[in-house]
Amino acid sequence: MNIKETYQKIIKIKRLTGFNRCPSVIDSKFDKKNIPSGPPISPENALLTRQLAVGLIDVDEKLKAQWENYWIRCCLSRKCDYIFSVLVECGINREKDILDLLNNGKLWNYLGSESGWGKEYYINICIKFLLSRYAWFDALNIKSKQTFLPLFHLSLPKLWGSILIGIIPFISSKDLMGLPGKLTSIQFKISIIFMFLLTLLYFLYECHSEYECFTDKCRNEIIRNRALWVFLMGIIYSFVLSYFICKPILSIYIADAEVCKSIIYFTASSLFIGILLQVFWQEKTITEPL
C-alpha cells in the first residue's frame, strides 16, 4: 500500500473541494471493519473506500470482498455522481473499477447463486450501467454464464424499438410512403444529411452528459467513439428494418417507386423520428436496457 500516493490524492481532493472532514488513511477514526450503509460522506472518504476495495489497503480477504461489494454499489449509484466527478481528477474511473472488480475481485468467492443476489445479478446490473453510459464494448467484455439476457441487453432494445415506432407512420400512410419519390435530388440529400446529423448530435450530447473523464482530450475521444458506434448500430438496425418492413409495403402502395432511394430515406427518417420520440418519452439514455 502506497500511503504517500494516497495522501497526495487526498490533498488534491481537498484543494478541489475544500473538504477537510475526512479522516486520513492512518487515522484511527477511519474504521476498516465498518462498512457504511449509505454513500461516502465526501470524496476523501470515497477515495479511502476505493483503496480498500481494490486492495491498496491491506485487509483480509472476506473484509475486502465486503468493501468490493460496497464500492461496486457506489460506482453504480447516481447518488455518487458528484463524488466521481471529483475522483476522476485523481485518475479514478468508475467503469474501470467495476470491470476490474468483476473480473479479478474477491467478491465472487462469497456470493451465492441465489436468484437475484448471485453473481448474475451483479453482472446484469453492471451491464445495464455500462450500457447506459454508451460503454457497449466494456459491457460486452463482462463474462456471464447466461446467454439470452446479456445478449438482449447488448442488442440495445430501446434503440431498435424506437426505430420500429419511427417506421409506423410510413407504413400506415400511402402519402408518406411516396414522399421520397416527390423530393428533388437536392431536397433528398439535404433531408438525409439533416436527419443523420441531428441524430448523431443527440447521441454525442447524451453520451457527453453521462461520462466523466480526467482530461478533455480523453473525454472527447471516448465520447466520440462511443456515440459513433451506437450511431452505426442505429443505421444498421434502421436499414434492415426499413428494408424488410417498408419495401414489401412500398411495392403494394406504389408500383413504380424508386426502391433504393426510398429505403435510404426510410432508414434516416425512422431513426430520426424514433430518437425524437425517445427524447420526449424517456429520461433514460437510448442505450439503457428496458
C-alpha atoms as a PDB file:
ATOM      1  CA  MET A   1       0.000   0.000   0.000  1.00  0.00           C
ATOM      2  CA  ASN A   2       1.485   3.370  -1.081  1.00  0.00           C
ATOM      3  CA  ILE A   3       0.442   5.729   1.741  1.00  0.00           C
ATOM      4  CA  LYS A   4       2.289   8.665   0.194  1.00  0.00           C
ATOM      5  CA  GLU A   5       0.365   8.334  -3.061  1.00  0.00           C
ATOM      6  CA  THR A   6      -2.944   8.131  -1.211  1.00  0.00           C
ATOM      7  CA  TYR A   7      -2.083  11.222   0.822  1.00  0.00           C
ATOM      8  CA  GLN A   8      -1.220  13.115  -2.357  1.00  0.00           C
ATOM      9  CA  LYS A   9      -4.620  12.247  -3.852  1.00  0.00           C
ATOM     10  CA  ILE A  10      -6.410  13.279  -0.658  1.00  0.00           C
ATOM     11  CA  ILE A  11      -4.584  16.611  -0.651  1.00  0.00           C
ATOM     12  CA  LYS A  12      -5.560  17.144  -4.286  1.00  0.00           C
ATOM     13  CA  ILE A  13      -9.195  16.356  -3.493  1.00  0.00           C
ATOM     14  CA  LYS A  14      -9.126  18.792  -0.565  1.00  0.00           C
ATOM     15  CA  ARG A  15      -7.861  21.507  -2.892  1.00  0.00           C
ATOM     16  CA  LEU A  16     -10.623  20.731  -5.382  1.00  0.00           C
ATOM     17  CA  THR A  17     -13.460  20.602  -2.875  1.00  0.00           C
ATOM     18  CA  GLY A  18     -12.338  22.459   0.225  1.00  0.00           C
ATOM     19  CA  PHE A  19     -13.494  19.463   2.321  1.00  0.00           C
ATOM     20  CA  ASN A  20     -11.498  18.717   5.450  1.00  0.00           C
ATOM     21  CA  ARG A  21     -13.861  16.362   7.240  1.00  0.00           C
ATOM     22  CA  CYS A  22     -12.430  13.056   6.148  1.00  0.00           C
ATOM     23  CA  PRO A  23     -10.000  11.126   8.394  1.00  0.00           C
ATOM     24  CA  SER A  24      -6.677  10.219   6.844  1.00  0.00           C
ATOM     25  CA  VAL A  25      -5.663   6.739   5.831  1.00  0.00           C
ATOM     26  CA  ILE A  26      -3.817   6.171   9.118  1.00  0.00           C
ATOM     27  CA  ASP A  27      -6.346   7.999  11.275  1.00  0.00           C
ATOM     28  CA  SER A  28      -7.884   5.679  13.838  1.00  0.00           C
ATOM     29  CA  LYS A  29     -11.294   7.264  13.197  1.00  0.00           C
ATOM     30  CA  PHE A  30     -11.443   5.513   9.829  1.00  0.00           C
ATOM     31  CA  ASP A  31     -12.674   2.062  10.788  1.00  0.00           C
ATOM     32  CA  LYS A  32     -11.713  -0.503   8.157  1.00  0.00           C
ATOM     33  CA  LYS A  33     -14.178  -3.012   9.597  1.00  0.00           C
ATOM     34  CA  ASN A  34     -17.190  -0.708   9.494  1.00  0.00           C
ATOM     35  CA  ILE A  35     -18.859  -0.976   6.072  1.00  0.00           C
ATOM     36  CA  PRO A  36     -21.125   2.082   5.541  1.00  0.00           C
ATOM     37  CA  SER A  37     -24.769   1.628   4.638  1.00  0.00           C
ATOM     38  CA  GLY A  38     -25.030   4.844   2.625  1.00  0.00           C
ATOM     39  CA  PRO A  39     -22.884   6.676   0.102  1.00  0.00           C
ATOM     40  CA  PRO A  40     -19.471   8.060   1.160  1.00  0.00           C
ATOM     41  CA  ILE A  41     -19.697  11.306   3.107  1.00  0.00           C
ATOM     42  CA  SER A  42     -17.057  13.028   0.974  1.00  0.00           C
ATOM     43  CA  PRO A  43     -14.688  12.426  -1.947  1.00  0.00           C
ATOM     44  CA  GLU A  44     -11.845  11.866   0.521  1.00  0.00           C
ATOM     45  CA  ASN A  45     -13.811   9.182   2.282  1.00  0.00           C
ATOM     46  CA  ALA A  46     -14.713   7.633  -1.065  1.00  0.00           C
ATOM     47  CA  LEU A  47     -11.032   7.529  -2.020  1.00  0.00           C
ATOM     48  CA  LEU A  48     -10.154   5.558   1.108  1.00  0.00           C
ATOM     49  CA  THR A  49     -13.098   3.257   0.480  1.00  0.00           C
ATOM     50  CA  ARG A  50     -11.879   2.655  -3.042  1.00  0.00           C
ATOM     51  CA  GLN A  51      -8.329   1.910  -1.837  1.00  0.00           C
ATOM     52  CA  LEU A  52      -9.738  -0.790   0.460  1.00  0.00           C
ATOM     53  CA  ALA A  53     -11.850  -2.285  -2.334  1.00  0.00           C
ATOM     54  CA  VAL A  54      -9.071  -2.501  -4.913  1.00  0.00           C
ATOM     55  CA  GLY A  55      -6.532  -3.843  -2.439  1.00  0.00           C
ATOM     56  CA  LEU A  56      -4.306  -0.790  -1.949  1.00  0.00           C
ATOM     57  CA  ILE A  57      -5.001  -1.010   1.770  1.00  0.00           C
ATOM     58  CA  ASP A  58      -4.349  -4.454   3.199  1.00  0.00           C
ATOM     59  CA  VAL A  59      -7.297  -6.240   4.820  1.00  0.00           C
ATOM     60  CA  ASP A  60      -8.282  -9.898   4.997  1.00  0.00           C
ATOM     61  CA  GLU A  61      -9.997 -11.478   2.011  1.00  0.00           C
ATOM     62  CA  LYS A  62     -13.511 -11.580   3.428  1.00  0.00           C
ATOM     63  CA  LEU A  63     -13.401  -7.947   4.528  1.00  0.00           C
ATOM     64  CA  LYS A  64     -12.004  -6.952   1.136  1.00  0.00           C
ATOM     65  CA  ALA A  65     -14.927  -8.726  -0.539  1.00  0.00           C
ATOM     66  CA  GLN A  66     -17.309  -6.663   1.596  1.00  0.00           C
ATOM     67  CA  TRP A  67     -15.557  -3.444   0.595  1.00  0.00           C
ATOM     68  CA  GLU A  68     -15.670  -4.553  -3.058  1.00  0.00           C
ATOM     69  CA  ASN A  69     -19.402  -5.073  -2.724  1.00  0.00           C
ATOM     70  CA  TYR A  70     -19.812  -1.606  -1.227  1.00  0.00           C
ATOM     71  CA  TRP A  71     -17.594   0.074  -3.799  1.00  0.00           C
ATOM     72  CA  ILE A  72     -19.395  -1.534  -6.760  1.00  0.00           C
ATOM     73  CA  ARG A  73     -22.668  -0.237  -5.343  1.00  0.00           C
ATOM     74  CA  CYS A  74     -21.096   3.236  -5.052  1.00  0.00           C
ATOM     75  CA  CYS A  75     -19.918   3.048  -8.669  1.00  0.00           C
ATOM     76  CA  LEU A  76     -23.427   2.146  -9.809  1.00  0.00           C
ATOM     77  CA  SER A  77     -25.228   4.752  -7.706  1.00  0.00           C
ATOM     78  CA  ARG A  78     -26.405   8.074  -9.105  1.00  0.00           C
ATOM     79  CA  LYS A  79     -26.017   9.496  -5.602  1.00  0.00           C
ATOM     80  CA  CYS A  80     -22.250   9.254  -6.067  1.00  0.00           C
ATOM     81  CA  ASP A  81     -22.058  11.172  -9.358  1.00  0.00           C
ATOM     82  CA  TYR A  82     -20.613  14.270  -7.691  1.00  0.00           C
ATOM     83  CA  ILE A  83     -18.028  12.232  -5.822  1.00  0.00           C
ATOM     84  CA  PHE A  84     -16.816  10.595  -9.035  1.00  0.00           C
ATOM     85  CA  SER A  85     -16.682  13.965 -10.786  1.00  0.00           C
ATOM     86  CA  VAL A  86     -14.023  14.830  -8.170  1.00  0.00           C
ATOM     87  CA  LEU A  87     -12.274  11.455  -8.039  1.00  0.00           C
ATOM     88  CA  VAL A  88     -11.833  11.444 -11.805  1.00  0.00           C
ATOM     89  CA  GLU A  89      -9.375  14.315 -11.333  1.00  0.00           C
ATOM     90  CA  CYS A  90      -7.177  11.795  -9.488  1.00  0.00           C
ATOM     91  CA  GLY A  91      -7.384   9.341 -12.383  1.00  0.00           C
ATOM     92  CA  ILE A  92     -10.082   7.154 -10.821  1.00  0.00           C
ATOM     93  CA  ASN A  93     -12.562   5.784 -13.350  1.00  0.00           C
ATOM     94  CA  ARG A  94     -15.694   4.104 -12.001  1.00  0.00           C
ATOM     95  CA  GLU A  95     -16.182   1.993 -15.134  1.00  0.00           C
ATOM     96  CA  LYS A  96     -12.637   0.628 -14.934  1.00  0.00           C
ATOM     97  CA  ASP A  97     -13.106  -0.166 -11.236  1.00  0.00           C
ATOM     98  CA  ILE A  98     -16.319  -2.064 -11.980  1.00  0.00           C
ATOM     99  CA  LEU A  99     -14.637  -4.150 -14.673  1.00  0.00           C
ATOM    100  CA  ASP A 100     -11.556  -4.848 -12.530  1.00  0.00           C
ATOM    101  CA  LEU A 101     -13.628  -5.941  -9.531  1.00  0.00           C
ATOM    102  CA  LEU A 102     -15.960  -8.063 -11.654  1.00  0.00           C
ATOM    103  CA  ASN A 103     -13.092  -9.868 -13.354  1.00  0.00           C
ATOM    104  CA  ASN A 104     -10.475 -10.035 -10.583  1.00  0.00           C
ATOM    105  CA  GLY A 105     -12.186  -9.293  -7.279  1.00  0.00           C
ATOM    106  CA  LYS A 106     -12.661 -11.477  -4.216  1.00  0.00           C
ATOM    107  CA  LEU A 107     -16.380 -10.732  -4.048  1.00  0.00           C
ATOM    108  CA  TRP A 108     -17.300 -13.733  -6.215  1.00  0.00           C
ATOM    109  CA  ASN A 109     -15.906 -16.133  -3.608  1.00  0.00           C
ATOM    110  CA  TYR A 110     -18.597 -15.011  -1.171  1.00  0.00           C
ATOM    111  CA  LEU A 111     -21.623 -14.662  -3.435  1.00  0.00           C
ATOM    112  CA  GLY A 112     -24.127 -17.469  -3.689  1.00  0.00           C
ATOM    113  CA  SER A 113     -26.081 -18.427  -6.772  1.00  0.00           C
ATOM    114  CA  GLU A 114     -29.458 -17.472  -5.305  1.00  0.00           C
ATOM    115  CA  SER A 115     -31.721 -15.792  -7.816  1.00  0.00           C
ATOM    116  CA  GLY A 116     -31.487 -12.021  -7.546  1.00  0.00           C
ATOM    117  CA  TRP A 117     -28.440 -11.886  -5.296  1.00  0.00           C
ATOM    118  CA  GLY A 118     -25.857 -14.067  -7.004  1.00  0.00           C
ATOM    119  CA  LYS A 119     -23.143 -13.336  -9.486  1.00  0.00           C
ATOM    120  CA  GLU A 120     -25.502 -12.992 -12.434  1.00  0.00           C
ATOM    121  CA  TYR A 121     -27.446 -10.298 -10.599  1.00  0.00           C
ATOM    122  CA  TYR A 122     -24.317  -8.187 -10.247  1.00  0.00           C
ATOM    123  CA  ILE A 123     -23.296  -8.880 -13.828  1.00  0.00           C
ATOM    124  CA  ASN A 124     -26.695  -7.807 -15.165  1.00  0.00           C
ATOM    125  CA  ILE A 125     -26.857  -4.533 -13.222  1.00  0.00           C
ATOM    126  CA  CYS A 126     -23.268  -3.723 -14.212  1.00  0.00           C
ATOM    127  CA  ILE A 127     -24.039  -4.409 -17.875  1.00  0.00           C
ATOM    128  CA  LYS A 128     -27.066  -2.120 -17.632  1.00  0.00           C
ATOM    129  CA  PHE A 129     -24.980   0.614 -16.010  1.00  0.00           C
ATOM    130  CA  LEU A 130     -22.235   0.424 -18.633  1.00  0.00           C
ATOM    131  CA  LEU A 131     -24.733   0.413 -21.490  1.00  0.00           C
ATOM    132  CA  SER A 132     -26.486   3.474 -20.062  1.00  0.00           C
ATOM    133  CA  ARG A 133     -23.140   5.261 -20.485  1.00  0.00           C
ATOM    134  CA  TYR A 134     -22.714   4.014 -24.083  1.00  0.00           C
ATOM    135  CA  ALA A 135     -19.893   1.664 -22.976  1.00  0.00           C
ATOM    136  CA  TRP A 136     -21.048  -1.122 -25.295  1.00  0.00           C
ATOM    137  CA  PHE A 137     -17.678  -2.829 -25.693  1.00  0.00           C
ATOM    138  CA  ASP A 138     -16.999  -2.768 -21.936  1.00  0.00           C
ATOM    139  CA  ALA A 139     -20.382  -4.381 -21.320  1.00  0.00           C
ATOM    140  CA  LEU A 140     -19.568  -6.967 -23.980  1.00  0.00           C
ATOM    141  CA  ASN A 141     -16.355  -7.911 -22.135  1.00  0.00           C
ATOM    142  CA  ILE A 142     -18.176  -8.834 -18.917  1.00  0.00           C
ATOM    143  CA  LYS A 143     -18.198 -12.592 -18.654  1.00  0.00           C
ATOM    144  CA  SER A 144     -21.555 -14.175 -17.921  1.00  0.00           C
ATOM    145  CA  LYS A 145     -22.843 -17.744 -17.803  1.00  0.00           C
ATOM    146  CA  GLN A 146     -26.200 -16.506 -19.035  1.00  0.00           C
ATOM    147  CA  THR A 147     -26.643 -16.056 -22.741  1.00  0.00           C
ATOM    148  CA  PHE A 148     -30.060 -14.617 -23.545  1.00  0.00           C
ATOM    149  CA  LEU A 149     -30.409 -11.703 -21.122  1.00  0.00           C
ATOM    150  CA  PRO A 150     -26.960 -10.102 -21.610  1.00  0.00           C
ATOM    151  CA  LEU A 151     -27.241 -10.547 -25.382  1.00  0.00           C
ATOM    152  CA  PHE A 152     -30.703  -8.994 -25.314  1.00  0.00           C
ATOM    153  CA  HIS A 153     -29.331  -6.014 -23.361  1.00  0.00           C
ATOM    154  CA  LEU A 154     -26.383  -5.693 -25.752  1.00  0.00           C
ATOM    155  CA  SER A 155     -28.737  -5.590 -28.731  1.00  0.00           C
ATOM    156  CA  LEU A 156     -29.923  -2.173 -27.411  1.00  0.00           C
ATOM    157  CA  PRO A 157     -33.664  -2.961 -27.477  1.00  0.00           C
ATOM    158  CA  LYS A 158     -34.681   0.649 -26.839  1.00  0.00           C
ATOM    159  CA  LEU A 159     -32.789   1.680 -29.955  1.00  0.00           C
ATOM    160  CA  TRP A 160     -34.370  -0.794 -32.362  1.00  0.00           C
ATOM    161  CA  GLY A 161     -37.715  -0.433 -30.574  1.00  0.00           C
ATOM    162  CA  SER A 162     -37.692   3.333 -31.183  1.00  0.00           C
ATOM    163  CA  ILE A 163     -36.812   2.702 -34.842  1.00  0.00           C
ATOM    164  CA  LEU A 164     -39.808   0.389 -35.170  1.00  0.00           C
ATOM    165  CA  ILE A 165     -42.004   3.157 -33.795  1.00  0.00           C
ATOM    166  CA  GLY A 166     -40.434   5.559 -36.286  1.00  0.00           C
ATOM    167  CA  ILE A 167     -41.386   3.245 -39.164  1.00  0.00           C
ATOM    168  CA  ILE A 168     -45.065   3.074 -38.208  1.00  0.00           C
ATOM    169  CA  PRO A 169     -46.081   6.471 -39.719  1.00  0.00           C
ATOM    170  CA  PHE A 170     -44.669   5.435 -43.105  1.00  0.00           C
ATOM    171  CA  ILE A 171     -46.243   2.001 -43.350  1.00  0.00           C
ATOM    172  CA  SER A 172     -49.608   3.407 -42.256  1.00  0.00           C
ATOM    173  CA  SER A 173     -49.758   6.191 -44.849  1.00  0.00           C
ATOM    174  CA  LYS A 174     -49.555   5.899 -48.627  1.00  0.00           C
ATOM    175  CA  ASP A 175     -48.652   9.593 -48.917  1.00  0.00           C
ATOM    176  CA  LEU A 176     -45.673   9.241 -46.586  1.00  0.00           C
ATOM    177  CA  MET A 177     -44.542   6.090 -48.377  1.00  0.00           C
ATOM    178  CA  GLY A 178     -44.464   8.057 -51.606  1.00  0.00           C
ATOM    179  CA  LEU A 179     -42.728  11.103 -50.105  1.00  0.00           C
ATOM    180  CA  PRO A 180     -39.143  10.139 -51.132  1.00  0.00           C
ATOM    181  CA  GLY A 181     -40.198   9.969 -54.781  1.00  0.00           C
ATOM    182  CA  LYS A 182     -41.624  13.506 -54.623  1.00  0.00           C
ATOM    183  CA  LEU A 183     -38.373  15.064 -53.381  1.00  0.00           C
ATOM    184  CA  THR A 184     -35.868  16.567 -55.760  1.00  0.00           C
ATOM    185  CA  SER A 185     -32.283  15.333 -55.658  1.00  0.00           C
ATOM    186  CA  ILE A 186     -31.147  18.355 -53.603  1.00  0.00           C
ATOM    187  CA  GLN A 187     -34.095  18.098 -51.188  1.00  0.00           C
ATOM    188  CA  PHE A 188     -33.440  14.401 -50.746  1.00  0.00           C
ATOM    189  CA  LYS A 189     -29.746  14.861 -49.956  1.00  0.00           C
ATOM    190  CA  ILE A 190     -30.332  17.778 -47.571  1.00  0.00           C
ATOM    191  CA  SER A 191     -33.057  15.931 -45.651  1.00  0.00           C
ATOM    192  CA  ILE A 192     -30.915  12.788 -45.300  1.00  0.00           C
ATOM    193  CA  ILE A 193     -27.880  14.757 -44.082  1.00  0.00           C
ATOM    194  CA  PHE A 194     -30.053  16.833 -41.739  1.00  0.00           C
ATOM    195  CA  MET A 195     -31.702  13.812 -40.071  1.00  0.00           C
ATOM    196  CA  PHE A 196     -28.468  11.815 -39.738  1.00  0.00           C
ATOM    197  CA  LEU A 197     -26.589  14.838 -38.386  1.00  0.00           C
ATOM    198  CA  LEU A 198     -29.216  15.681 -35.758  1.00  0.00           C
ATOM    199  CA  THR A 199     -29.355  12.045 -34.662  1.00  0.00           C
ATOM    200  CA  LEU A 200     -25.580  11.875 -34.268  1.00  0.00           C
ATOM    201  CA  LEU A 201     -25.506  15.167 -32.357  1.00  0.00           C
ATOM    202  CA  TYR A 202     -28.116  13.809 -29.958  1.00  0.00           C
ATOM    203  CA  PHE A 203     -26.052  10.665 -29.339  1.00  0.00           C
ATOM    204  CA  LEU A 204     -22.967  12.815 -28.701  1.00  0.00           C
ATOM    205  CA  TYR A 205     -24.883  15.034 -26.292  1.00  0.00           C
ATOM    206  CA  GLU A 206     -26.414  12.112 -24.418  1.00  0.00           C
ATOM    207  CA  CYS A 207     -23.084  10.312 -24.089  1.00  0.00           C
ATOM    208  CA  HIS A 208     -21.396  13.569 -23.005  1.00  0.00           C
ATOM    209  CA  SER A 209     -23.928  14.045 -20.211  1.00  0.00           C
ATOM    210  CA  GLU A 210     -23.265  10.543 -18.839  1.00  0.00           C
ATOM    211  CA  TYR A 211     -19.495  10.305 -18.924  1.00  0.00           C
ATOM    212  CA  GLU A 212     -16.731  11.883 -16.852  1.00  0.00           C
ATOM    213  CA  CYS A 213     -13.026  11.706 -17.670  1.00  0.00           C
ATOM    214  CA  PHE A 214      -9.877  13.278 -16.240  1.00  0.00           C
ATOM    215  CA  THR A 215      -8.825  15.104 -19.435  1.00  0.00           C
ATOM    216  CA  ASP A 216     -10.903  16.853 -22.067  1.00  0.00           C
ATOM    217  CA  LYS A 217      -8.966  15.131 -24.847  1.00  0.00           C
ATOM    218  CA  CYS A 218      -9.597  11.689 -23.368  1.00  0.00           C
ATOM    219  CA  ARG A 219     -13.232  12.541 -22.668  1.00  0.00           C
ATOM    220  CA  ASN A 220     -13.926  13.819 -26.175  1.00  0.00           C
ATOM    221  CA  GLU A 221     -12.260  10.828 -27.810  1.00  0.00           C
ATOM    222  CA  ILE A 222     -14.183   8.302 -25.727  1.00  0.00           C
ATOM    223  CA  ILE A 223     -17.483  10.119 -26.203  1.00  0.00           C
ATOM    224  CA  ARG A 224     -16.946  10.370 -29.945  1.00  0.00           C
ATOM    225  CA  ASN A 225     -16.085   6.686 -30.327  1.00  0.00           C
ATOM    226  CA  ARG A 226     -18.989   5.513 -28.185  1.00  0.00           C
ATOM    227  CA  ALA A 227     -21.563   7.756 -29.843  1.00  0.00           C
ATOM    228  CA  LEU A 228     -20.356   6.834 -33.337  1.00  0.00           C
ATOM    229  CA  TRP A 229     -20.663   3.128 -32.563  1.00  0.00           C
ATOM    230  CA  VAL A 230     -24.242   3.494 -31.320  1.00  0.00           C
ATOM    231  CA  PHE A 231     -24.998   5.697 -34.337  1.00  0.00           C
ATOM    232  CA  LEU A 232     -23.642   2.985 -36.642  1.00  0.00           C
ATOM    233  CA  MET A 233     -25.755   0.344 -34.879  1.00  0.00           C
ATOM    234  CA  GLY A 234     -28.777   2.599 -35.287  1.00  0.00           C
ATOM    235  CA  ILE A 235     -28.174   2.971 -39.017  1.00  0.00           C
ATOM    236  CA  ILE A 236     -27.788  -0.798 -39.442  1.00  0.00           C
ATOM    237  CA  TYR A 237     -30.939  -1.546 -37.443  1.00  0.00           C
ATOM    238  CA  SER A 238     -32.880   1.130 -39.294  1.00  0.00           C
ATOM    239  CA  PHE A 239     -31.735  -0.065 -42.721  1.00  0.00           C
ATOM    240  CA  VAL A 240     -32.551  -3.720 -42.008  1.00  0.00           C
ATOM    241  CA  LEU A 241     -35.968  -2.940 -40.542  1.00  0.00           C
ATOM    242  CA  SER A 242     -36.790  -0.486 -43.347  1.00  0.00           C
ATOM    243  CA  TYR A 243     -35.755  -2.990 -45.989  1.00  0.00           C
ATOM    244  CA  PHE A 244     -37.778  -5.903 -44.644  1.00  0.00           C
ATOM    245  CA  ILE A 245     -40.810  -3.924 -43.452  1.00  0.00           C
ATOM    246  CA  CYS A 246     -41.124  -0.951 -45.772  1.00  0.00           C
ATOM    247  CA  LYS A 247     -40.002  -2.497 -49.058  1.00  0.00           C
ATOM    248  CA  PRO A 248     -42.879  -5.043 -49.343  1.00  0.00           C
ATOM    249  CA  ILE A 249     -45.463  -2.396 -48.407  1.00  0.00           C
ATOM    250  CA  LEU A 250     -43.887   0.125 -50.795  1.00  0.00           C
ATOM    251  CA  SER A 251     -44.364  -2.262 -53.716  1.00  0.00           C
ATOM    252  CA  ILE A 252     -48.054  -2.524 -52.809  1.00  0.00           C
ATOM    253  CA  TYR A 253     -48.664   1.221 -52.428  1.00  0.00           C
ATOM    254  CA  ILE A 254     -46.525   2.474 -55.323  1.00  0.00           C
ATOM    255  CA  ALA A 255     -45.745   0.165 -58.225  1.00  0.00           C
ATOM    256  CA  ASP A 256     -43.069   2.357 -59.862  1.00  0.00           C
ATOM    257  CA  ALA A 257     -41.375   3.550 -56.660  1.00  0.00           C
ATOM    258  CA  GLU A 258     -37.608   4.116 -56.522  1.00  0.00           C
ATOM    259  CA  VAL A 259     -36.851   1.370 -54.018  1.00  0.00           C
ATOM    260  CA  CYS A 260     -33.218   2.245 -53.264  1.00  0.00           C
ATOM    261  CA  LYS A 261     -33.957   5.937 -52.748  1.00  0.00           C
ATOM    262  CA  SER A 262     -36.995   5.158 -50.602  1.00  0.00           C
ATOM    263  CA  ILE A 263     -35.138   2.683 -48.357  1.00  0.00           C
ATOM    264  CA  ILE A 264     -32.353   5.215 -47.731  1.00  0.00           C
ATOM    265  CA  TYR A 265     -34.939   7.842 -46.829  1.00  0.00           C
ATOM    266  CA  PHE A 266     -36.842   5.476 -44.536  1.00  0.00           C
ATOM    267  CA  THR A 267     -33.552   4.471 -42.872  1.00  0.00           C
ATOM    268  CA  ALA A 268     -32.705   8.068 -41.968  1.00  0.00           C
ATOM    269  CA  SER A 269     -36.227   9.193 -41.094  1.00  0.00           C
ATOM    270  CA  SER A 270     -37.261   6.191 -38.966  1.00  0.00           C
ATOM    271  CA  LEU A 271     -34.065   6.510 -36.917  1.00  0.00           C
ATOM    272  CA  PHE A 272     -34.583  10.261 -36.556  1.00  0.00           C
ATOM    273  CA  ILE A 273     -38.278  10.003 -35.638  1.00  0.00           C
ATOM    274  CA  GLY A 274     -37.617   7.176 -33.190  1.00  0.00           C
ATOM    275  CA  ILE A 275     -34.895   9.152 -31.411  1.00  0.00           C
ATOM    276  CA  LEU A 276     -37.073  12.264 -31.405  1.00  0.00           C
ATOM    277  CA  LEU A 277     -39.885  10.362 -29.693  1.00  0.00           C
ATOM    278  CA  GLN A 278     -37.357   8.892 -27.275  1.00  0.00           C
ATOM    279  CA  VAL A 279     -36.382  12.415 -26.188  1.00  0.00           C
ATOM    280  CA  PHE A 280     -39.961  13.214 -25.155  1.00  0.00           C
ATOM    281  CA  TRP A 281     -40.957   9.820 -23.743  1.00  0.00           C
ATOM    282  CA  GLN A 282     -37.904   8.691 -21.780  1.00  0.00           C
ATOM    283  CA  GLU A 283     -35.487  10.300 -19.349  1.00  0.00           C
ATOM    284  CA  LYS A 284     -33.052   7.407 -19.669  1.00  0.00           C
ATOM    285  CA  THR A 285     -30.468   7.071 -22.418  1.00  0.00           C
ATOM    286  CA  ILE A 286     -31.290   5.292 -25.674  1.00  0.00           C
ATOM    287  CA  THR A 287     -28.704   2.612 -24.865  1.00  0.00           C
ATOM    288  CA  GLU A 288     -30.070   1.757 -21.414  1.00  0.00           C
ATOM    289  CA  PRO A 289     -31.766  -1.678 -21.345  1.00  0.00           C
ATOM    290  CA  LEU A 290     -35.502  -1.993 -20.831  1.00  0.00           C
END
